[in-house]
PDB file of all heavy atoms in Angstrom:
ATOM      1  N   ALA A   1     -10.978 -22.048  61.020  1.00  0.00           N
ATOM      2  CA  ALA A   1     -10.991 -21.577  62.442  1.00  0.00           C
ATOM      3  C   ALA A   1     -10.427 -22.673  63.322  1.00  0.00           C
ATOM      4  O   ALA A   1     -10.942 -23.689  63.364  1.00  0.00           O
ATOM      5  CB  ALA A   1     -12.455 -21.147  62.756  1.00  0.00           C
ATOM      6  N   ALA A   2      -9.442 -22.247  64.020  1.00  0.00           N
ATOM      7  CA  ALA A   2      -8.728 -23.220  64.973  1.00  0.00           C
ATOM      8  C   ALA A   2      -9.278 -22.752  66.362  1.00  0.00           C
ATOM      9  O   ALA A   2      -9.370 -21.640  66.788  1.00  0.00           O
ATOM     10  CB  ALA A   2      -7.310 -23.054  64.954  1.00  0.00           C
ATOM     11  N   SER A   3      -9.382 -23.876  67.290  1.00  0.00           N
ATOM     12  CA  SER A   3      -9.830 -23.669  68.599  1.00  0.00           C
ATOM     13  C   SER A   3      -9.068 -24.732  69.448  1.00  0.00           C
ATOM     14  O   SER A   3      -8.508 -25.744  69.015  1.00  0.00           O
ATOM     15  CB  SER A   3     -11.267 -23.865  68.957  1.00  0.00           C
ATOM     16  OG  SER A   3     -11.733 -25.057  68.364  1.00  0.00           O
ATOM     17  N   GLY A   4      -8.960 -24.509  70.773  1.00  0.00           N
ATOM     18  CA  GLY A   4      -8.148 -25.370  71.635  1.00  0.00           C
ATOM     19  C   GLY A   4      -6.875 -24.690  71.865  1.00  0.00           C
ATOM     20  O   GLY A   4      -6.588 -23.605  72.073  1.00  0.00           O
ATOM     21  N   SER A   5      -5.819 -25.627  71.880  1.00  0.00           N
ATOM     22  CA  SER A   5      -4.464 -25.173  72.240  1.00  0.00           C
ATOM     23  C   SER A   5      -3.794 -24.547  71.104  1.00  0.00           C
ATOM     24  O   SER A   5      -2.748 -25.031  70.568  1.00  0.00           O
ATOM     25  CB  SER A   5      -3.582 -26.391  72.882  1.00  0.00           C
ATOM     26  OG  SER A   5      -4.273 -27.011  73.888  1.00  0.00           O
ATOM     27  N   THR A   6      -4.345 -23.614  70.544  1.00  0.00           N
ATOM     28  CA  THR A   6      -3.814 -22.837  69.407  1.00  0.00           C
ATOM     29  C   THR A   6      -2.466 -22.124  69.634  1.00  0.00           C
ATOM     30  O   THR A   6      -1.682 -22.002  68.700  1.00  0.00           O
ATOM     31  CB  THR A   6      -4.697 -21.802  68.885  1.00  0.00           C
ATOM     32  OG1 THR A   6      -4.945 -20.897  69.856  1.00  0.00           O
ATOM     33  CG2 THR A   6      -6.162 -22.447  68.425  1.00  0.00           C
ATOM     34  N   PHE A   7      -2.075 -21.950  70.826  1.00  0.00           N
ATOM     35  CA  PHE A   7      -0.792 -21.345  71.135  1.00  0.00           C
ATOM     36  C   PHE A   7       0.421 -22.236  70.744  1.00  0.00           C
ATOM     37  O   PHE A   7       1.462 -21.861  70.610  1.00  0.00           O
ATOM     38  CB  PHE A   7      -0.612 -21.032  72.645  1.00  0.00           C
ATOM     39  CG  PHE A   7      -0.817 -22.212  73.562  1.00  0.00           C
ATOM     40  CD1 PHE A   7       0.412 -22.934  73.859  1.00  0.00           C
ATOM     41  CD2 PHE A   7      -1.899 -22.696  74.041  1.00  0.00           C
ATOM     42  CE1 PHE A   7       0.380 -24.002  74.649  1.00  0.00           C
ATOM     43  CE2 PHE A   7      -2.033 -23.892  74.783  1.00  0.00           C
ATOM     44  CZ  PHE A   7      -0.902 -24.554  75.115  1.00  0.00           C
ATOM     45  N   SER A   8       0.033 -23.526  70.684  1.00  0.00           N
ATOM     46  CA  SER A   8       1.120 -24.531  70.389  1.00  0.00           C
ATOM     47  C   SER A   8       1.435 -24.693  68.847  1.00  0.00           C
ATOM     48  O   SER A   8       2.289 -25.449  68.557  1.00  0.00           O
ATOM     49  CB  SER A   8       0.592 -25.850  71.010  1.00  0.00           C
ATOM     50  OG  SER A   8      -0.393 -26.436  70.279  1.00  0.00           O
ATOM     51  N   LEU A   9       0.651 -24.018  68.038  1.00  0.00           N
ATOM     52  CA  LEU A   9       0.741 -24.338  66.695  1.00  0.00           C
ATOM     53  C   LEU A   9       1.885 -23.469  66.125  1.00  0.00           C
ATOM     54  O   LEU A   9       2.108 -22.315  66.369  1.00  0.00           O
ATOM     55  CB  LEU A   9      -0.571 -23.925  65.950  1.00  0.00           C
ATOM     56  CG  LEU A   9      -1.836 -24.769  66.263  1.00  0.00           C
ATOM     57  CD1 LEU A   9      -2.898 -24.288  65.623  1.00  0.00           C
ATOM     58  CD2 LEU A   9      -1.612 -26.280  66.087  1.00  0.00           C
ATOM     59  N   ASN A  10       2.647 -24.069  65.156  1.00  0.00           N
ATOM     60  CA  ASN A  10       3.746 -23.506  64.443  1.00  0.00           C
ATOM     61  C   ASN A  10       3.449 -23.120  63.010  1.00  0.00           C
ATOM     62  O   ASN A  10       3.858 -22.140  62.487  1.00  0.00           O
ATOM     63  CB  ASN A  10       5.087 -24.294  64.509  1.00  0.00           C
ATOM     64  CG  ASN A  10       5.430 -24.692  65.850  1.00  0.00           C
ATOM     65  OD1 ASN A  10       5.497 -25.818  66.193  1.00  0.00           O
ATOM     66  ND2 ASN A  10       5.636 -23.716  66.685  1.00  0.00           N
ATOM     67  N   VAL A  11       2.697 -23.912  62.422  1.00  0.00           N
ATOM     68  CA  VAL A  11       2.385 -23.820  60.972  1.00  0.00           C
ATOM     69  C   VAL A  11       0.883 -24.249  60.644  1.00  0.00           C
ATOM     70  O   VAL A  11       0.453 -25.255  61.269  1.00  0.00           O
ATOM     71  CB  VAL A  11       3.445 -24.588  60.167  1.00  0.00           C
ATOM     72  CG1 VAL A  11       3.320 -26.092  60.329  1.00  0.00           C
ATOM     73  CG2 VAL A  11       3.200 -24.282  58.591  1.00  0.00           C
ATOM     74  N   MET A  12       0.327 -23.656  59.682  1.00  0.00           N
ATOM     75  CA  MET A  12      -1.023 -23.975  59.276  1.00  0.00           C
ATOM     76  C   MET A  12      -0.957 -24.085  57.782  1.00  0.00           C
ATOM     77  O   MET A  12      -0.117 -23.302  57.090  1.00  0.00           O
ATOM     78  CB  MET A  12      -2.044 -23.132  59.782  1.00  0.00           C
ATOM     79  CG  MET A  12      -2.257 -23.115  61.234  1.00  0.00           C
ATOM     80  SD  MET A  12      -3.576 -22.096  61.985  1.00  0.00           S
ATOM     81  CE  MET A  12      -4.987 -23.143  61.351  1.00  0.00           C
ATOM     82  N   ALA A  13      -1.712 -24.998  57.168  1.00  0.00           N
ATOM     83  CA  ALA A  13      -1.629 -25.083  55.706  1.00  0.00           C
ATOM     84  C   ALA A  13      -2.951 -25.591  55.184  1.00  0.00           C
ATOM     85  O   ALA A  13      -3.885 -26.070  55.850  1.00  0.00           O
ATOM     86  CB  ALA A  13      -0.524 -26.186  55.338  1.00  0.00           C
ATOM     87  N   TRP A  14      -3.058 -25.390  53.904  1.00  0.00           N
ATOM     88  CA  TRP A  14      -4.182 -26.033  53.149  1.00  0.00           C
ATOM     89  C   TRP A  14      -3.709 -27.170  52.222  1.00  0.00           C
ATOM     90  O   TRP A  14      -2.685 -26.918  51.545  1.00  0.00           O
ATOM     91  CB  TRP A  14      -4.888 -24.906  52.326  1.00  0.00           C
ATOM     92  CG  TRP A  14      -5.660 -23.968  53.086  1.00  0.00           C
ATOM     93  CD1 TRP A  14      -5.330 -22.701  53.621  1.00  0.00           C
ATOM     94  CD2 TRP A  14      -6.972 -24.098  53.630  1.00  0.00           C
ATOM     95  NE1 TRP A  14      -6.202 -22.094  54.264  1.00  0.00           N
ATOM     96  CE2 TRP A  14      -7.397 -22.917  54.278  1.00  0.00           C
ATOM     97  CE3 TRP A  14      -8.009 -25.078  53.458  1.00  0.00           C
ATOM     98  CZ2 TRP A  14      -8.534 -22.779  54.820  1.00  0.00           C
ATOM     99  CZ3 TRP A  14      -9.220 -24.967  53.990  1.00  0.00           C
ATOM    100  CH2 TRP A  14      -9.426 -23.695  54.812  1.00  0.00           C
ATOM    101  N   TYR A  15      -4.408 -28.224  52.207  1.00  0.00           N
ATOM    102  CA  TYR A  15      -4.135 -29.406  51.317  1.00  0.00           C
ATOM    103  C   TYR A  15      -5.445 -29.588  50.424  1.00  0.00           C
ATOM    104  O   TYR A  15      -6.495 -29.021  50.857  1.00  0.00           O
ATOM    105  CB  TYR A  15      -3.879 -30.585  52.113  1.00  0.00           C
ATOM    106  CG  TYR A  15      -2.516 -30.729  52.792  1.00  0.00           C
ATOM    107  CD1 TYR A  15      -2.243 -29.883  53.851  1.00  0.00           C
ATOM    108  CD2 TYR A  15      -1.577 -31.606  52.368  1.00  0.00           C
ATOM    109  CE1 TYR A  15      -0.923 -30.013  54.397  1.00  0.00           C
ATOM    110  CE2 TYR A  15      -0.266 -31.681  52.830  1.00  0.00           C
ATOM    111  CZ  TYR A  15      -0.013 -30.940  53.973  1.00  0.00           C
ATOM    112  OH  TYR A  15       1.228 -30.959  54.512  1.00  0.00           O
ATOM    113  N   ARG A  16      -5.280 -30.300  49.414  1.00  0.00           N
ATOM    114  CA  ARG A  16      -6.406 -30.685  48.714  1.00  0.00           C
ATOM    115  C   ARG A  16      -6.251 -32.140  48.116  1.00  0.00           C
ATOM    116  O   ARG A  16      -5.155 -32.568  47.946  1.00  0.00           O
ATOM    117  CB  ARG A  16      -6.629 -29.663  47.461  1.00  0.00           C
ATOM    118  CG  ARG A  16      -5.606 -29.674  46.404  1.00  0.00           C
ATOM    119  CD  ARG A  16      -6.032 -28.630  45.325  1.00  0.00           C
ATOM    120  NE  ARG A  16      -4.898 -28.712  44.340  1.00  0.00           N
ATOM    121  CZ  ARG A  16      -4.873 -27.716  43.407  1.00  0.00           C
ATOM    122  NH1 ARG A  16      -5.780 -26.687  43.338  1.00  0.00           N
ATOM    123  NH2 ARG A  16      -4.009 -27.825  42.452  1.00  0.00           N
ATOM    124  N   GLN A  17      -7.401 -32.711  47.974  1.00  0.00           N
ATOM    125  CA  GLN A  17      -7.392 -34.032  47.420  1.00  0.00           C
ATOM    126  C   GLN A  17      -8.592 -34.239  46.447  1.00  0.00           C
ATOM    127  O   GLN A  17      -9.732 -34.060  46.811  1.00  0.00           O
ATOM    128  CB  GLN A  17      -7.512 -35.062  48.478  1.00  0.00           C
ATOM    129  CG  GLN A  17      -7.387 -36.552  48.015  1.00  0.00           C
ATOM    130  CD  GLN A  17      -7.249 -37.548  49.159  1.00  0.00           C
ATOM    131  OE1 GLN A  17      -7.587 -37.148  50.346  1.00  0.00           O
ATOM    132  NE2 GLN A  17      -6.698 -38.645  48.897  1.00  0.00           N
ATOM    133  N   ALA A  18      -8.164 -34.475  45.135  1.00  0.00           N
ATOM    134  CA  ALA A  18      -9.150 -34.792  44.115  1.00  0.00           C
ATOM    135  C   ALA A  18      -9.382 -36.228  44.050  1.00  0.00           C
ATOM    136  O   ALA A  18      -8.454 -37.067  44.419  1.00  0.00           O
ATOM    137  CB  ALA A  18      -8.674 -34.175  42.790  1.00  0.00           C
ATOM    138  N   PRO A  19     -10.461 -36.709  43.454  1.00  0.00           N
ATOM    139  CA  PRO A  19     -10.780 -38.163  43.343  1.00  0.00           C
ATOM    140  C   PRO A  19      -9.670 -38.785  42.596  1.00  0.00           C
ATOM    141  O   PRO A  19      -9.237 -38.478  41.609  1.00  0.00           O
ATOM    142  CB  PRO A  19     -12.137 -38.233  42.600  1.00  0.00           C
ATOM    143  CG  PRO A  19     -12.745 -36.859  42.940  1.00  0.00           C
ATOM    144  CD  PRO A  19     -11.768 -35.830  43.029  1.00  0.00           C
ATOM    145  N   GLY A  20      -9.224 -39.912  43.183  1.00  0.00           N
ATOM    146  CA  GLY A  20      -8.193 -40.737  42.576  1.00  0.00           C
ATOM    147  C   GLY A  20      -6.781 -40.189  42.706  1.00  0.00           C
ATOM    148  O   GLY A  20      -5.802 -40.824  42.289  1.00  0.00           O
ATOM    149  N   ASN A  21      -6.652 -38.996  43.368  1.00  0.00           N
ATOM    150  CA  ASN A  21      -5.287 -38.485  43.612  1.00  0.00           C
ATOM    151  C   ASN A  21      -4.914 -38.475  44.967  1.00  0.00           C
ATOM    152  O   ASN A  21      -5.780 -38.623  45.874  1.00  0.00           O
ATOM    153  CB  ASN A  21      -5.306 -36.940  43.037  1.00  0.00           C
ATOM    154  CG  ASN A  21      -5.469 -36.862  41.632  1.00  0.00           C
ATOM    155  OD1 ASN A  21      -5.530 -37.878  40.820  1.00  0.00           O
ATOM    156  ND2 ASN A  21      -5.587 -35.597  41.082  1.00  0.00           N
ATOM    157  N   GLN A  22      -3.555 -38.300  45.310  1.00  0.00           N
ATOM    158  CA  GLN A  22      -3.125 -38.265  46.613  1.00  0.00           C
ATOM    159  C   GLN A  22      -3.370 -36.668  47.136  1.00  0.00           C
ATOM    160  O   GLN A  22      -3.558 -35.843  46.321  1.00  0.00           O
ATOM    161  CB  GLN A  22      -1.594 -38.430  46.626  1.00  0.00           C
ATOM    162  CG  GLN A  22      -1.209 -39.828  46.407  1.00  0.00           C
ATOM    163  CD  GLN A  22       0.191 -40.230  46.544  1.00  0.00           C
ATOM    164  OE1 GLN A  22       1.099 -39.299  46.500  1.00  0.00           O
ATOM    165  NE2 GLN A  22       0.582 -41.488  46.850  1.00  0.00           N
ATOM    166  N   ARG A  23      -3.412 -36.739  48.407  1.00  0.00           N
ATOM    167  CA  ARG A  23      -3.602 -35.416  49.072  1.00  0.00           C
ATOM    168  C   ARG A  23      -2.230 -34.587  48.838  1.00  0.00           C
ATOM    169  O   ARG A  23      -1.224 -35.126  48.974  1.00  0.00           O
ATOM    170  CB  ARG A  23      -3.879 -35.422  50.579  1.00  0.00           C
ATOM    171  CG  ARG A  23      -4.355 -34.240  51.230  1.00  0.00           C
ATOM    172  CD  ARG A  23      -4.784 -34.520  52.671  1.00  0.00           C
ATOM    173  NE  ARG A  23      -6.023 -35.348  52.658  1.00  0.00           N
ATOM    174  CZ  ARG A  23      -6.669 -35.670  53.809  1.00  0.00           C
ATOM    175  NH1 ARG A  23      -6.344 -35.047  54.986  1.00  0.00           N
ATOM    176  NH2 ARG A  23      -7.765 -36.428  53.758  1.00  0.00           N
ATOM    177  N   GLU A  24      -2.426 -33.335  48.431  1.00  0.00           N
ATOM    178  CA  GLU A  24      -1.289 -32.545  48.187  1.00  0.00           C
ATOM    179  C   GLU A  24      -1.449 -31.178  48.979  1.00  0.00           C
ATOM    180  O   GLU A  24      -2.465 -30.641  49.171  1.00  0.00           O
ATOM    181  CB  GLU A  24      -1.240 -32.227  46.597  1.00  0.00           C
ATOM    182  CG  GLU A  24      -2.284 -31.343  46.092  1.00  0.00           C
ATOM    183  CD  GLU A  24      -2.119 -30.985  44.588  1.00  0.00           C
ATOM    184  OE1 GLU A  24      -0.870 -31.190  44.084  1.00  0.00           O
ATOM    185  OE2 GLU A  24      -2.930 -30.495  44.014  1.00  0.00           O
ATOM    186  N   GLU A  25      -0.253 -30.599  49.320  1.00  0.00           N
ATOM    187  CA  GLU A  25      -0.183 -29.308  49.954  1.00  0.00           C
ATOM    188  C   GLU A  25      -0.310 -28.329  48.836  1.00  0.00           C
ATOM    189  O   GLU A  25       0.310 -28.295  47.956  1.00  0.00           O
ATOM    190  CB  GLU A  25       1.145 -29.220  50.767  1.00  0.00           C
ATOM    191  CG  GLU A  25       1.065 -27.891  51.529  1.00  0.00           C
ATOM    192  CD  GLU A  25       2.252 -27.685  52.429  1.00  0.00           C
ATOM    193  OE1 GLU A  25       3.137 -28.553  52.472  1.00  0.00           O
ATOM    194  OE2 GLU A  25       2.345 -26.644  53.202  1.00  0.00           O
ATOM    195  N   VAL A  26      -1.219 -27.385  49.204  1.00  0.00           N
ATOM    196  CA  VAL A  26      -1.546 -26.210  48.321  1.00  0.00           C
ATOM    197  C   VAL A  26      -0.674 -24.967  48.753  1.00  0.00           C
ATOM    198  O   VAL A  26      -0.118 -24.235  47.942  1.00  0.00           O
ATOM    199  CB  VAL A  26      -2.979 -25.923  48.323  1.00  0.00           C
ATOM    200  CG1 VAL A  26      -3.255 -24.640  47.510  1.00  0.00           C
ATOM    201  CG2 VAL A  26      -3.850 -27.056  47.794  1.00  0.00           C
ATOM    202  N   ALA A  27      -0.799 -24.670  50.124  1.00  0.00           N
ATOM    203  CA  ALA A  27      -0.180 -23.528  50.638  1.00  0.00           C
ATOM    204  C   ALA A  27      -0.073 -23.667  52.078  1.00  0.00           C
ATOM    205  O   ALA A  27      -0.759 -24.328  52.857  1.00  0.00           O
ATOM    206  CB  ALA A  27      -0.993 -22.277  50.290  1.00  0.00           C
ATOM    207  N   GLY A  28       1.083 -23.038  52.657  1.00  0.00           N
ATOM    208  CA  GLY A  28       1.340 -23.082  54.108  1.00  0.00           C
ATOM    209  C   GLY A  28       1.799 -21.710  54.521  1.00  0.00           C
ATOM    210  O   GLY A  28       2.233 -20.924  53.786  1.00  0.00           O
ATOM    211  N   ILE A  29       1.557 -21.487  55.902  1.00  0.00           N
ATOM    212  CA  ILE A  29       2.052 -20.161  56.526  1.00  0.00           C
ATOM    213  C   ILE A  29       2.323 -20.502  57.995  1.00  0.00           C
ATOM    214  O   ILE A  29       1.840 -21.307  58.661  1.00  0.00           O
ATOM    215  CB  ILE A  29       0.913 -19.247  56.452  1.00  0.00           C
ATOM    216  CG1 ILE A  29       1.273 -17.805  57.063  1.00  0.00           C
ATOM    217  CG2 ILE A  29      -0.336 -19.701  57.261  1.00  0.00           C
ATOM    218  CD1 ILE A  29       0.289 -16.737  56.679  1.00  0.00           C
ATOM    219  N   THR A  30       3.504 -19.972  58.360  1.00  0.00           N
ATOM    220  CA  THR A  30       4.013 -20.016  59.858  1.00  0.00           C
ATOM    221  C   THR A  30       3.228 -19.073  60.702  1.00  0.00           C
ATOM    222  O   THR A  30       2.825 -17.859  60.223  1.00  0.00           O
ATOM    223  CB  THR A  30       5.466 -19.778  59.885  1.00  0.00           C
ATOM    224  OG1 THR A  30       5.736 -18.463  59.373  1.00  0.00           O
ATOM    225  CG2 THR A  30       6.260 -20.819  59.115  1.00  0.00           C
ATOM    226  N   THR A  31       2.795 -19.491  61.841  1.00  0.00           N
ATOM    227  CA  THR A  31       1.824 -18.716  62.600  1.00  0.00           C
ATOM    228  C   THR A  31       2.636 -17.399  63.219  1.00  0.00           C
ATOM    229  O   THR A  31       1.926 -16.422  63.415  1.00  0.00           O
ATOM    230  CB  THR A  31       1.365 -19.542  63.757  1.00  0.00           C
ATOM    231  OG1 THR A  31       2.412 -20.111  64.465  1.00  0.00           O
ATOM    232  CG2 THR A  31       0.486 -20.683  63.219  1.00  0.00           C
ATOM    233  N   GLU A  32       3.891 -17.545  63.440  1.00  0.00           N
ATOM    234  CA  GLU A  32       4.505 -16.391  64.167  1.00  0.00           C
ATOM    235  C   GLU A  32       4.972 -15.384  63.034  1.00  0.00           C
ATOM    236  O   GLU A  32       4.635 -14.258  63.134  1.00  0.00           O
ATOM    237  CB  GLU A  32       5.747 -16.890  65.050  1.00  0.00           C
ATOM    238  CG  GLU A  32       6.302 -15.776  65.784  1.00  0.00           C
ATOM    239  CD  GLU A  32       7.317 -16.283  66.698  1.00  0.00           C
ATOM    240  OE1 GLU A  32       7.250 -17.434  67.041  1.00  0.00           O
ATOM    241  OE2 GLU A  32       8.164 -15.504  67.279  1.00  0.00           O
ATOM    242  N   SER A  33       5.796 -15.846  62.049  1.00  0.00           N
ATOM    243  CA  SER A  33       6.436 -14.907  61.119  1.00  0.00           C
ATOM    244  C   SER A  33       5.655 -14.647  59.898  1.00  0.00           C
ATOM    245  O   SER A  33       5.892 -13.673  59.217  1.00  0.00           O
ATOM    246  CB  SER A  33       7.781 -15.435  60.755  1.00  0.00           C
ATOM    247  OG  SER A  33       7.675 -16.711  59.986  1.00  0.00           O
ATOM    248  N   GLY A  34       4.708 -15.525  59.697  1.00  0.00           N
ATOM    249  CA  GLY A  34       3.942 -15.372  58.469  1.00  0.00           C
ATOM    250  C   GLY A  34       4.500 -15.808  57.207  1.00  0.00           C
ATOM    251  O   GLY A  34       4.118 -15.349  56.116  1.00  0.00           O
ATOM    252  N   PHE A  35       5.587 -16.527  57.226  1.00  0.00           N
ATOM    253  CA  PHE A  35       6.183 -17.034  55.972  1.00  0.00           C
ATOM    254  C   PHE A  35       5.332 -17.882  55.344  1.00  0.00           C
ATOM    255  O   PHE A  35       4.648 -18.693  55.867  1.00  0.00           O
ATOM    256  CB  PHE A  35       7.619 -17.747  56.452  1.00  0.00           C
ATOM    257  CG  PHE A  35       8.228 -18.301  55.194  1.00  0.00           C
ATOM    258  CD1 PHE A  35       9.112 -17.482  54.354  1.00  0.00           C
ATOM    259  CD2 PHE A  35       8.207 -19.613  54.919  1.00  0.00           C
ATOM    260  CE1 PHE A  35       9.751 -18.019  53.356  1.00  0.00           C
ATOM    261  CE2 PHE A  35       8.736 -20.190  53.837  1.00  0.00           C
ATOM    262  CZ  PHE A  35       9.631 -19.431  53.098  1.00  0.00           C
ATOM    263  N   THR A  36       5.271 -17.756  53.934  1.00  0.00           N
ATOM    264  CA  THR A  36       4.412 -18.508  53.160  1.00  0.00           C
ATOM    265  C   THR A  36       5.029 -19.374  52.144  1.00  0.00           C
ATOM    266  O   THR A  36       6.077 -19.014  51.632  1.00  0.00           O
ATOM    267  CB  THR A  36       3.392 -17.628  52.513  1.00  0.00           C
ATOM    268  OG1 THR A  36       3.943 -16.708  51.685  1.00  0.00           O
ATOM    269  CG2 THR A  36       2.494 -16.913  53.416  1.00  0.00           C
TER     270      THR A  36
END
């Protein structure tokens, strides 16, 4: 859930980080077009 100046956002994404690993992007979506 996003709050604040959400009108300014272009893309939202999920990342994950397992112990000993770098943070990696799992999935992303553009806020206007819904491209994933």
